[in-house]
PDB file of N, CA and C in Angstrom:
ATOM      1  N   MET A   1     -21.954   3.966  -7.048  1.00  0.00           N
ATOM      2  CA  MET A   1     -21.307   3.017  -6.158  1.00  0.00           C
ATOM      3  C   MET A   1     -19.900   3.534  -5.840  1.00  0.00           C
ATOM      4  N   GLN A   2     -19.516   3.430  -4.602  1.00  0.00           N
ATOM      5  CA  GLN A   2     -18.207   3.881  -4.121  1.00  0.00           C
ATOM      6  C   GLN A   2     -17.301   2.672  -3.955  1.00  0.00           C
ATOM      7  N   ALA A   3     -16.026   2.818  -4.319  1.00  0.00           N
ATOM      8  CA  ALA A   3     -15.046   1.748  -4.131  1.00  0.00           C
ATOM      9  C   ALA A   3     -14.087   2.135  -3.013  1.00  0.00           C
ATOM     10  N   VAL A   4     -13.754   1.186  -2.175  1.00  0.00           N
ATOM     11  CA  VAL A   4     -12.809   1.384  -1.086  1.00  0.00           C
ATOM     12  C   VAL A   4     -11.764   0.287  -1.206  1.00  0.00           C
ATOM     13  N   GLU A   5     -10.482   0.679  -1.219  1.00  0.00           N
ATOM     14  CA  GLU A   5      -9.413  -0.317  -1.287  1.00  0.00           C
ATOM     15  C   GLU A   5      -8.738  -0.421   0.069  1.00  0.00           C
ATOM     16  N   THR A   6      -8.552  -1.633   0.529  1.00  0.00           N
ATOM     17  CA  THR A   6      -7.872  -1.887   1.784  1.00  0.00           C
ATOM     18  C   THR A   6      -7.203  -3.247   1.692  1.00  0.00           C
ATOM     19  N   ARG A   7      -6.452  -3.607   2.662  1.00  0.00           N
ATOM     20  CA  ARG A   7      -5.803  -4.918   2.696  1.00  0.00           C
ATOM     21  C   ARG A   7      -6.431  -5.744   3.807  1.00  0.00           C
ATOM     22  N   GLY A   8      -6.268  -7.031   3.706  1.00  0.00           N
ATOM     23  CA  GLY A   8      -6.802  -7.928   4.711  1.00  0.00           C
ATOM     24  C   GLY A   8      -6.161  -9.293   4.579  1.00  0.00           C
ATOM     25  N   ARG A   9      -6.740 -10.238   5.276  1.00  0.00           N
ATOM     26  CA  ARG A   9      -6.230 -11.606   5.209  1.00  0.00           C
ATOM     27  C   ARG A   9      -7.396 -12.566   5.362  1.00  0.00           C
ATOM     28  N   VAL A  10      -7.196 -13.780   4.897  1.00  0.00           N
ATOM     29  CA  VAL A  10      -8.192 -14.834   5.039  1.00  0.00           C
ATOM     30  C   VAL A  10      -7.630 -15.837   6.035  1.00  0.00           C
ATOM     31  N   ASP A  11      -8.434 -16.176   7.054  1.00  0.00           N
ATOM     32  CA  ASP A  11      -7.949 -17.097   8.078  1.00  0.00           C
ATOM     33  C   ASP A  11      -8.183 -18.553   7.675  1.00  0.00           C
ATOM     34  N   LYS A  12      -7.851 -19.474   8.580  1.00  0.00           N
ATOM     35  CA  LYS A  12      -7.972 -20.911   8.294  1.00  0.00           C
ATOM     36  C   LYS A  12      -9.412 -21.350   8.063  1.00  0.00           C
ATOM     37  N   GLU A  13     -10.360 -20.581   8.589  1.00  0.00           N
ATOM     38  CA  GLU A  13     -11.783 -20.898   8.400  1.00  0.00           C
ATOM     39  C   GLU A  13     -12.356 -20.210   7.170  1.00  0.00           C
ATOM     40  N   HIS A  14     -11.478 -19.653   6.328  1.00  0.00           N
ATOM     41  CA  HIS A  14     -11.864 -18.986   5.077  1.00  0.00           C
ATOM     42  C   HIS A  14     -12.636 -17.690   5.308  1.00  0.00           C
ATOM     43  N   ARG A  15     -12.431 -17.058   6.460  1.00  0.00           N
ATOM     44  CA  ARG A  15     -13.097 -15.791   6.764  1.00  0.00           C
ATOM     45  C   ARG A  15     -12.166 -14.639   6.452  1.00  0.00           C
ATOM     46  N   LEU A  16     -12.728 -13.569   5.912  1.00  0.00           N
ATOM     47  CA  LEU A  16     -11.962 -12.387   5.555  1.00  0.00           C
ATOM     48  C   LEU A  16     -11.872 -11.446   6.747  1.00  0.00           C
ATOM     49  N   HIS A  17     -10.658 -10.965   7.056  1.00  0.00           N
ATOM     50  CA  HIS A  17     -10.426  -9.976   8.105  1.00  0.00           C
ATOM     51  C   HIS A  17      -9.758  -8.772   7.452  1.00  0.00           C
ATOM     52  N   VAL A  18     -10.346  -7.601   7.636  1.00  0.00           N
ATOM     53  CA  VAL A  18      -9.812  -6.378   7.050  1.00  0.00           C
ATOM     54  C   VAL A  18      -8.831  -5.755   8.031  1.00  0.00           C
ATOM     55  N   ASP A  19      -7.697  -5.240   7.509  1.00  0.00           N
ATOM     56  CA  ASP A  19      -6.620  -4.734   8.361  1.00  0.00           C
ATOM     57  C   ASP A  19      -6.914  -3.406   9.043  1.00  0.00           C
ATOM     58  N   GLU A  20      -7.825  -2.603   8.507  1.00  0.00           N
ATOM     59  CA  GLU A  20      -8.100  -1.285   9.077  1.00  0.00           C
ATOM     60  C   GLU A  20      -9.588  -0.984   8.986  1.00  0.00           C
ATOM     61  N   PRO A  21     -10.085  -0.052   9.797  1.00  0.00           N
ATOM     62  CA  PRO A  21     -11.513   0.294   9.740  1.00  0.00           C
ATOM     63  C   PRO A  21     -11.884   0.857   8.370  1.00  0.00           C
ATOM     64  N   LEU A  22     -13.068   0.545   7.937  1.00  0.00           N
ATOM     65  CA  LEU A  22     -13.557   1.047   6.654  1.00  0.00           C
ATOM     66  C   LEU A  22     -14.267   2.378   6.841  1.00  0.00           C
ATOM     67  N   PRO A  23     -14.192   3.274   5.856  1.00  0.00           N
ATOM     68  CA  PRO A  23     -14.854   4.577   5.966  1.00  0.00           C
ATOM     69  C   PRO A  23     -16.324   4.497   5.578  1.00  0.00           C
ATOM     70  N   ILE A  24     -17.034   3.546   6.166  1.00  0.00           N
ATOM     71  CA  ILE A  24     -18.440   3.306   5.834  1.00  0.00           C
ATOM     72  C   ILE A  24     -19.250   3.331   7.120  1.00  0.00           C
ATOM     73  N   THR A  25     -20.325   4.097   7.110  1.00  0.00           N
ATOM     74  CA  THR A  25     -21.213   4.115   8.266  1.00  0.00           C
ATOM     75  C   THR A  25     -22.126   2.899   8.180  1.00  0.00           C
ATOM     76  N   GLY A  26     -22.105   2.087   9.185  1.00  0.00           N
ATOM     77  CA  GLY A  26     -22.891   0.850   9.160  1.00  0.00           C
ATOM     78  C   GLY A  26     -23.934   0.837  10.242  1.00  0.00           C
ATOM     79  N   PRO A  27     -24.718  -0.164  10.290  1.00  0.00           N
ATOM     80  CA  PRO A  27     -24.651  -1.354   9.455  1.00  0.00           C
ATOM     81  C   PRO A  27     -25.094  -1.056   8.022  1.00  0.00           C
ATOM     82  N   ALA A  28     -24.477  -1.765   7.070  1.00  0.00           N
ATOM     83  CA  ALA A  28     -24.807  -1.574   5.667  1.00  0.00           C
ATOM     84  C   ALA A  28     -24.440  -2.820   4.883  1.00  0.00           C
ATOM     85  N   GLN A  29     -25.176  -3.071   3.822  1.00  0.00           N
ATOM     86  CA  GLN A  29     -24.840  -4.148   2.902  1.00  0.00           C
ATOM     87  C   GLN A  29     -23.716  -3.662   1.998  1.00  0.00           C
ATOM     88  N   VAL A  30     -22.735  -4.505   1.720  1.00  0.00           N
ATOM     89  CA  VAL A  30     -21.637  -4.160   0.818  1.00  0.00           C
ATOM     90  C   VAL A  30     -21.394  -5.324  -0.137  1.00  0.00           C
ATOM     91  N   ARG A  31     -20.804  -5.005  -1.271  1.00  0.00           N
ATOM     92  CA  ARG A  31     -20.325  -6.040  -2.192  1.00  0.00           C
ATOM     93  C   ARG A  31     -18.826  -6.133  -1.996  1.00  0.00           C
ATOM     94  N   VAL A  32     -18.286  -7.322  -2.015  1.00  0.00           N
ATOM     95  CA  VAL A  32     -16.864  -7.522  -1.777  1.00  0.00           C
ATOM     96  C   VAL A  32     -16.251  -8.191  -2.999  1.00  0.00           C
ATOM     97  N   LEU A  33     -15.189  -7.594  -3.511  1.00  0.00           N
ATOM     98  CA  LEU A  33     -14.403  -8.162  -4.594  1.00  0.00           C
ATOM     99  C   LEU A  33     -13.053  -8.526  -4.005  1.00  0.00           C
ATOM    100  N   VAL A  34     -12.667  -9.782  -4.100  1.00  0.00           N
ATOM    101  CA  VAL A  34     -11.415 -10.239  -3.511  1.00  0.00           C
ATOM    102  C   VAL A  34     -10.407 -10.463  -4.628  1.00  0.00           C
ATOM    103  N   LEU A  35      -9.263  -9.777  -4.532  1.00  0.00           N
ATOM    104  CA  LEU A  35      -8.160  -9.949  -5.478  1.00  0.00           C
ATOM    105  C   LEU A  35      -7.020 -10.618  -4.736  1.00  0.00           C
ATOM    106  N   VAL A  36      -6.549 -11.738  -5.250  1.00  0.00           N
ATOM    107  CA  VAL A  36      -5.478 -12.488  -4.596  1.00  0.00           C
ATOM    108  C   VAL A  36      -4.173 -12.161  -5.307  1.00  0.00           C
ATOM    109  N   ASP A  37      -3.167 -11.712  -4.528  1.00  0.00           N
ATOM    110  CA  ASP A  37      -1.865 -11.396  -5.092  1.00  0.00           C
ATOM    111  C   ASP A  37      -1.207 -12.653  -5.636  1.00  0.00           C
ATOM    112  N   ASP A  38      -0.528 -12.493  -6.776  1.00  0.00           N
ATOM    113  CA  ASP A  38       0.278 -13.614  -7.241  1.00  0.00           C
ATOM    114  C   ASP A  38       1.597 -13.608  -6.489  1.00  0.00           C
ATOM    115  N   GLU A  39       2.349 -14.684  -6.609  1.00  0.00           N
ATOM    116  CA  GLU A  39       3.586 -14.842  -5.835  1.00  0.00           C
ATOM    117  C   GLU A  39       4.597 -13.732  -6.121  1.00  0.00           C
ATOM    118  N   ALA A  40       4.705 -13.282  -7.366  1.00  0.00           N
ATOM    119  CA  ALA A  40       5.696 -12.256  -7.706  1.00  0.00           C
ATOM    120  C   ALA A  40       5.387 -10.952  -6.990  1.00  0.00           C
ATOM    121  N   GLU A  41       4.110 -10.562  -6.932  1.00  0.00           N
ATOM    122  CA  GLU A  41       3.735  -9.329  -6.240  1.00  0.00           C
ATOM    123  C   GLU A  41       4.005  -9.448  -4.748  1.00  0.00           C
ATOM    124  N   ALA A  42       3.695 -10.589  -4.158  1.00  0.00           N
ATOM    125  CA  ALA A  42       3.913 -10.786  -2.724  1.00  0.00           C
ATOM    126  C   ALA A  42       5.404 -10.735  -2.401  1.00  0.00           C
ATOM    127  N   GLU A  43       6.228 -11.363  -3.231  1.00  0.00           N
ATOM    128  CA  GLU A  43       7.670 -11.347  -2.994  1.00  0.00           C
ATOM    129  C   GLU A  43       8.229  -9.934  -3.126  1.00  0.00           C
ATOM    130  N   GLU A  44       7.752  -9.180  -4.121  1.00  0.00           N
ATOM    131  CA  GLU A  44       8.236  -7.807  -4.294  1.00  0.00           C
ATOM    132  C   GLU A  44       7.852  -6.946  -3.099  1.00  0.00           C
ATOM    133  N   ARG A  45       6.614  -7.101  -2.599  1.00  0.00           N
ATOM    134  CA  ARG A  45       6.150  -6.328  -1.453  1.00  0.00           C
ATOM    135  C   ARG A  45       6.985  -6.673  -0.209  1.00  0.00           C
ATOM    136  N   GLU A  46       7.309  -7.951  -0.025  1.00  0.00           N
ATOM    137  CA  GLU A  46       8.146  -8.360   1.107  1.00  0.00           C
ATOM    138  C   GLU A  46       9.541  -7.752   0.990  1.00  0.00           C
ATOM    139  N   TRP A  47      10.107  -7.754  -0.219  1.00  0.00           N
ATOM    140  CA  TRP A  47      11.428  -7.186  -0.440  1.00  0.00           C
ATOM    141  C   TRP A  47      11.418  -5.693  -0.143  1.00  0.00           C
ATOM    142  N   LEU A  48      10.395  -4.978  -0.625  1.00  0.00           N
ATOM    143  CA  LEU A  48      10.308  -3.535  -0.376  1.00  0.00           C
ATOM    144  C   LEU A  48      10.133  -3.240   1.108  1.00  0.00           C
ATOM    145  N   ALA A  49       9.336  -4.050   1.797  1.00  0.00           N
ATOM    146  CA  ALA A  49       9.146  -3.848   3.235  1.00  0.00           C
ATOM    147  C   ALA A  49      10.456  -4.075   3.984  1.00  0.00           C
ATOM    148  N   ALA A  50      11.212  -5.083   3.588  1.00  0.00           N
ATOM    149  CA  ALA A  50      12.493  -5.349   4.234  1.00  0.00           C
ATOM    150  C   ALA A  50      13.472  -4.203   3.979  1.00  0.00           C
ATOM    151  N   ALA A  51      13.498  -3.688   2.758  1.00  0.00           N
ATOM    152  CA  ALA A  51      14.390  -2.566   2.443  1.00  0.00           C
ATOM    153  C   ALA A  51      13.993  -1.324   3.232  1.00  0.00           C
ATOM    154  N   ALA A  52      12.692  -1.076   3.369  1.00  0.00           N
ATOM    155  CA  ALA A  52      12.226   0.105   4.094  1.00  0.00           C
ATOM    156  C   ALA A  52      12.548   0.005   5.581  1.00  0.00           C
ATOM    157  N   ALA A  53      12.605  -1.203   6.118  1.00  0.00           N
ATOM    158  CA  ALA A  53      12.887  -1.388   7.542  1.00  0.00           C
ATOM    159  C   ALA A  53      14.380  -1.530   7.833  1.00  0.00           C
ATOM    160  N   ASN A  54      15.211  -1.527   6.819  1.00  0.00           N
ATOM    161  CA  ASN A  54      16.642  -1.718   6.996  1.00  0.00           C
ATOM    162  C   ASN A  54      17.262  -0.488   7.668  1.00  0.00           C
ATOM    163  N   PRO A  55      17.912  -0.649   8.814  1.00  0.00           N
ATOM    164  CA  PRO A  55      18.509   0.498   9.504  1.00  0.00           C
ATOM    165  C   PRO A  55      19.647   1.159   8.722  1.00  0.00           C
ATOM    166  N   ALA A  56      20.206   0.475   7.733  1.00  0.00           N
ATOM    167  CA  ALA A  56      21.270   1.080   6.925  1.00  0.00           C
ATOM    168  C   ALA A  56      20.760   2.277   6.135  1.00  0.00           C
ATOM    169  N   LEU A  57      19.439   2.366   5.947  1.00  0.00           N
ATOM    170  CA  LEU A  57      18.864   3.480   5.187  1.00  0.00           C
ATOM    171  C   LEU A  57      18.251   4.552   6.087  1.00  0.00           C
ATOM    172  N   ASP A  58      18.445   4.457   7.390  1.00  0.00           N
ATOM    173  CA  ASP A  58      17.876   5.435   8.321  1.00  0.00           C
ATOM    174  C   ASP A  58      18.348   6.858   8.053  1.00  0.00           C
ATOM    175  N   PHE A  59      19.549   7.003   7.499  1.00  0.00           N
ATOM    176  CA  PHE A  59      20.065   8.351   7.232  1.00  0.00           C
ATOM    177  C   PHE A  59      19.168   9.113   6.253  1.00  0.00           C
ATOM    178  N   LEU A  60      18.371   8.410   5.457  1.00  0.00           N
ATOM    179  CA  LEU A  60      17.489   9.085   4.502  1.00  0.00           C
ATOM    180  C   LEU A  60      16.370   9.864   5.194  1.00  0.00           C
ATOM    181  N   ASN A  61      16.116   9.576   6.465  1.00  0.00           N
ATOM    182  CA  ASN A  61      15.088  10.295   7.228  1.00  0.00           C
ATOM    183  C   ASN A  61      15.601  11.588   7.855  1.00  0.00           C
ATOM    184  N   GLU A  62      16.900  11.846   7.735  1.00  0.00           N
ATOM    185  CA  GLU A  62      17.475  13.053   8.322  1.00  0.00           C
ATOM    186  C   GLU A  62      17.084  14.273   7.492  1.00  0.00           C
ATOM    187  N   PRO A  63      16.796  15.405   8.143  1.00  0.00           N
ATOM    188  CA  PRO A  63      16.394  16.615   7.421  1.00  0.00           C
ATOM    189  C   PRO A  63      17.402  17.056   6.359  1.00  0.00           C
ATOM    190  N   ALA A  64      18.674  16.808   6.569  1.00  0.00           N
ATOM    191  CA  ALA A  64      19.690  17.207   5.587  1.00  0.00           C
ATOM    192  C   ALA A  64      19.527  16.463   4.265  1.00  0.00           C
ATOM    193  N   GLU A  65      18.893  15.304   4.288  1.00  0.00           N
ATOM    194  CA  GLU A  65      18.677  14.525   3.071  1.00  0.00           C
ATOM    195  C   GLU A  65      17.426  14.968   2.307  1.00  0.00           C
ATOM    196  N   ASP A  66      16.595  15.763   2.929  1.00  0.00           N
ATOM    197  CA  ASP A  66      15.334  16.194   2.318  1.00  0.00           C
ATOM    198  C   ASP A  66      15.595  17.459   1.497  1.00  0.00           C
ATOM    199  N   ILE A  67      16.182  17.279   0.317  1.00  0.00           N
ATOM    200  CA  ILE A  67      16.623  18.436  -0.474  1.00  0.00           C
ATOM    201  C   ILE A  67      15.703  18.756  -1.645  1.00  0.00           C
ATOM    202  N   TYR A  68      14.722  17.913  -1.927  1.00  0.00           N
ATOM    203  CA  TYR A  68      13.834  18.147  -3.059  1.00  0.00           C
ATOM    204  C   TYR A  68      12.436  18.510  -2.584  1.00  0.00           C
ATOM    205  N   THR A  69      11.724  19.282  -3.408  1.00  0.00           N
ATOM    206  CA  THR A  69      10.334  19.632  -3.135  1.00  0.00           C
ATOM    207  C   THR A  69       9.497  19.215  -4.332  1.00  0.00           C
ATOM    208  N   PRO A  70       8.173  19.196  -4.195  1.00  0.00           N
ATOM    209  CA  PRO A  70       7.320  18.868  -5.343  1.00  0.00           C
ATOM    210  C   PRO A  70       7.464  19.856  -6.499  1.00  0.00           C
ATOM    211  N   ASP A  71       8.013  21.039  -6.237  1.00  0.00           N
ATOM    212  CA  ASP A  71       8.171  22.042  -7.286  1.00  0.00           C
ATOM    213  C   ASP A  71       9.469  21.883  -8.073  1.00  0.00           C
ATOM    214  N   ASP A  72      10.362  20.977  -7.640  1.00  0.00           N
ATOM    215  CA  ASP A  72      11.626  20.760  -8.344  1.00  0.00           C
ATOM    216  C   ASP A  72      11.399  19.950  -9.626  1.00  0.00           C
ATOM    217  N   GLY A  73      12.193  20.240 -10.636  1.00  0.00           N
ATOM    218  CA  GLY A  73      12.159  19.461 -11.865  1.00  0.00           C
ATOM    219  C   GLY A  73      10.966  19.768 -12.738  1.00  0.00           C
ATOM    220  N   LYS A  74      10.826  18.963 -13.771  1.00  0.00           N
ATOM    221  CA  LYS A  74       9.721  19.110 -14.727  1.00  0.00           C
ATOM    222  C   LYS A  74       8.939  17.806 -14.761  1.00  0.00           C
ATOM    223  N   PRO A  75       7.624  17.884 -14.948  1.00  0.00           N
ATOM    224  CA  PRO A  75       6.838  16.635 -15.047  1.00  0.00           C
ATOM    225  C   PRO A  75       7.271  15.815 -16.252  1.00  0.00           C
ATOM    226  N   PHE A  76       7.285  14.505 -16.113  1.00  0.00           N
ATOM    227  CA  PHE A  76       7.619  13.622 -17.217  1.00  0.00           C
ATOM    228  C   PHE A  76       6.325  13.173 -17.866  1.00  0.00           C
ATOM    229  N   ARG A  77       6.223  13.392 -19.143  1.00  0.00           N
ATOM    230  CA  ARG A  77       5.059  12.962 -19.911  1.00  0.00           C
ATOM    231  C   ARG A  77       5.547  12.003 -20.995  1.00  0.00           C
ATOM    232  N   ASP A  78       5.190  10.745 -20.893  1.00  0.00           N
ATOM    233  CA  ASP A  78       5.599   9.750 -21.869  1.00  0.00           C
ATOM    234  C   ASP A  78       4.916  10.053 -23.199  1.00  0.00           C
ATOM    235  N   GLN A  79       5.668  10.207 -24.258  1.00  0.00           N
ATOM    236  CA  GLN A  79       5.140  10.600 -25.565  1.00  0.00           C
ATOM    237  C   GLN A  79       4.833   9.408 -26.465  1.00  0.00           C
ATOM    238  N   ARG A  80       4.774   8.227 -25.927  1.00  0.00           N
ATOM    239  CA  ARG A  80       4.474   7.052 -26.763  1.00  0.00           C
ATOM    240  C   ARG A  80       3.104   7.091 -27.324  1.00  0.00           C
TER     241      ARG A  80
END
């Protein structure tokens, strides 16, 4: 069985609407597992979205700010 994660919303008629096309060739039967975000997760996601859209941080998209590569530093391995 293959799992696909995506986001969606439930409308006033209790119908599920998926935000993006699924990578499934249809028509096909599927099983759906619905996970409802708790308030803390929703608030954090809203805060992060607002911070990402803030024009005060636009300078971070400038090429001069892109000074690190995936090869920089050492991997962190938690030794607990």
